[in-house]
Amino acid sequence: MGFLASTFTWWNGATLGTKFGLRSMAKKGEDALGNVYYEGGKDTAGNPRRWVIYKGATDASRVPPAWFSWLHHQVDDVPDRALPPIRAWQKPAVPNMTGTALAYRPAGALEKGGHRAAATGDYEAWTPEG
């Protein structure tokens, strides 16, 4: 990312002001997507402030559920220490794919040809009595 982009745009990652301000904060961890989490200072309620610096596009759906719970003070310690280990049947979190080629498209969607399955005939329309 260029100097001007990191100075004036927040949607391409942290701005220079944010990076400069986080120098005094404690780095708490990093997730599998490369997002980095920080903690330091207090908010108006007396809780510690917590930040995420995204690797890549700034998209809140790219924060895994375990780190989301840490960011929102649902757990006190970082997820590796506060939460139970991941179970074998749990799938990894995925970001929101809306607007991409990987978005969910149900049968009948225009992107899938726009052909719905034929109606089964088990529907009976309501009509008012009288």
Protein backbone atom coordinates (compact mmCIF):
# COMPACT_ATOMS: atom_id res chain seq x y z
CA MET A 1 0.00 0.00 0.00
CA GLY A 2 1.34 3.40 -0.94
CA PHE A 3 2.05 6.27 1.44
CA LEU A 4 -0.94 8.37 0.32
CA ALA A 5 -3.33 5.42 0.48
CA SER A 6 -2.25 4.54 4.03
CA THR A 7 -2.50 8.20 5.04
CA PHE A 8 -6.00 8.93 3.80
CA THR A 9 -7.92 5.67 3.36
CA TRP A 10 -9.07 3.41 6.19
CA TRP A 11 -10.74 0.76 4.02
CA ASN A 12 -7.40 -0.54 2.68
CA GLY A 13 -5.98 -1.25 6.14
CA ALA A 14 -4.87 0.87 9.07
CA THR A 15 -4.01 4.50 8.41
CA LEU A 16 -0.67 5.93 9.48
CA GLY A 17 -2.42 7.68 12.39
CA THR A 18 -3.82 4.38 13.65
CA LYS A 19 -0.48 2.60 13.27
CA PHE A 20 1.24 5.44 15.12
CA GLY A 21 -1.37 5.38 17.91
CA LEU A 22 -1.12 1.63 18.40
CA ARG A 23 2.63 1.74 19.10
CA SER A 24 1.95 2.13 22.83
CA MET A 25 -0.76 -0.57 22.91
CA ALA A 26 -0.17 -4.24 23.74
CA LYS A 27 -0.33 -6.67 20.83
CA LYS A 28 -2.59 -9.50 22.02
CA GLY A 29 -2.50 -11.88 19.10
CA GLU A 30 -3.06 -12.71 15.47
CA ASP A 31 -5.66 -14.91 13.81
CA ALA A 32 -5.34 -17.36 10.93
CA LEU A 33 -6.29 -14.66 8.40
CA GLY A 34 -3.41 -12.41 9.50
CA ASN A 35 -5.53 -9.84 11.41
CA VAL A 36 -3.68 -8.40 14.42
CA TYR A 37 -5.41 -7.59 17.73
CA TYR A 38 -4.40 -4.90 20.24
CA GLU A 39 -5.50 -3.80 23.70
CA GLY A 40 -4.75 -0.69 25.73
CA GLY A 41 -6.27 2.32 27.43
CA LYS A 42 -9.78 2.49 28.87
CA ASP A 43 -13.14 3.37 27.36
CA THR A 44 -15.77 5.53 29.09
CA ALA A 45 -17.14 2.50 30.97
CA GLY A 46 -13.69 1.61 32.30
CA ASN A 47 -13.24 -1.42 30.04
CA PRO A 48 -9.98 -1.89 28.14
CA ARG A 49 -10.12 -0.70 24.53
CA ARG A 50 -9.58 -3.38 21.93
CA TRP A 51 -8.70 -3.06 18.23
CA VAL A 52 -8.30 -5.22 15.17
CA ILE A 53 -6.01 -4.24 12.31
CA TYR A 54 -7.15 -6.16 9.25
CA LYS A 55 -4.77 -7.76 6.84
CA GLY A 56 -6.25 -6.77 3.51
CA ALA A 57 -9.69 -5.26 3.09
CA THR A 58 -11.42 -3.83 6.14
CA ASP A 59 -14.38 -6.18 6.49
CA ALA A 60 -15.84 -7.08 9.88
CA SER A 61 -16.96 -10.48 8.61
CA ARG A 62 -13.25 -11.40 8.41
CA VAL A 63 -12.99 -11.53 12.23
CA PRO A 64 -13.30 -15.15 13.42
CA PRO A 65 -15.98 -15.83 16.09
CA ALA A 66 -13.43 -16.45 18.86
CA TRP A 67 -11.74 -13.07 18.30
CA PHE A 68 -15.14 -11.38 17.90
CA SER A 69 -16.01 -12.50 21.42
CA TRP A 70 -12.73 -11.04 22.70
CA LEU A 71 -13.22 -7.73 20.87
CA HIS A 72 -16.71 -7.35 22.38
CA HIS A 73 -15.63 -8.22 25.95
CA GLN A 74 -17.51 -11.53 26.02
CA VAL A 75 -14.30 -13.22 27.20
CA ASP A 76 -11.60 -11.56 29.28
CA ASP A 77 -8.51 -13.32 27.96
CA VAL A 78 -7.41 -13.98 24.37
CA PRO A 79 -9.32 -16.84 22.70
CA ASP A 80 -6.43 -19.33 22.83
CA ARG A 81 -6.48 -19.25 26.63
CA ALA A 82 -10.12 -18.35 27.38
CA LEU A 83 -12.02 -20.71 25.07
CA PRO A 84 -12.07 -24.51 24.85
CA PRO A 85 -10.13 -26.11 21.99
CA ILE A 86 -11.72 -26.29 18.57
CA ARG A 87 -13.73 -29.48 18.06
CA ALA A 88 -13.07 -31.77 15.09
CA TRP A 89 -16.58 -31.17 13.71
CA GLN A 90 -16.33 -27.36 13.73
CA LYS A 91 -15.74 -25.68 10.39
CA PRO A 92 -13.43 -22.67 10.09
CA ALA A 93 -15.12 -19.27 9.84
CA VAL A 94 -15.39 -17.77 6.36
CA PRO A 95 -15.87 -14.12 5.47
CA ASN A 96 -19.07 -12.82 3.88
CA MET A 97 -18.92 -13.81 0.20
CA THR A 98 -21.83 -11.65 -0.99
CA GLY A 99 -20.92 -9.88 -4.21
CA THR A 100 -18.20 -12.36 -5.14
CA ALA A 101 -18.14 -15.41 -7.39
CA LEU A 102 -18.26 -17.58 -4.26
CA ALA A 103 -21.57 -16.11 -3.02
CA TYR A 104 -24.43 -18.51 -2.25
CA ARG A 105 -26.87 -18.74 -5.11
CA PRO A 106 -29.94 -20.93 -4.57
CA ALA A 107 -31.66 -22.90 -7.29
CA GLY A 108 -33.60 -20.51 -9.51
CA ALA A 109 -31.19 -17.59 -9.07
CA LEU A 110 -30.47 -15.71 -12.29
CA GLU A 111 -26.75 -16.43 -11.91
CA LYS A 112 -27.55 -20.18 -12.03
CA GLY A 113 -29.73 -19.96 -15.13
CA GLY A 114 -32.94 -18.73 -13.50
CA HIS A 115 -34.86 -22.02 -13.73
CA ARG A 116 -36.77 -22.98 -10.60
CA ALA A 117 -38.12 -26.42 -9.87
CA ALA A 118 -41.72 -26.90 -10.96
CA ALA A 119 -44.40 -26.39 -8.31
CA THR A 120 -45.63 -29.61 -6.73
CA GLY A 121 -49.33 -28.74 -6.62
CA ASP A 122 -49.61 -29.11 -2.85
CA TYR A 123 -50.39 -25.42 -2.35
CA GLU A 124 -53.95 -24.26 -1.89
CA ALA A 125 -54.56 -20.51 -1.96
CA TRP A 126 -56.56 -18.98 0.87
CA THR A 127 -59.91 -17.49 -0.03
CA PRO A 128 -62.12 -15.53 2.36
CA GLU A 129 -65.34 -17.17 3.41
CA GLY A 130 -68.60 -15.66 2.22
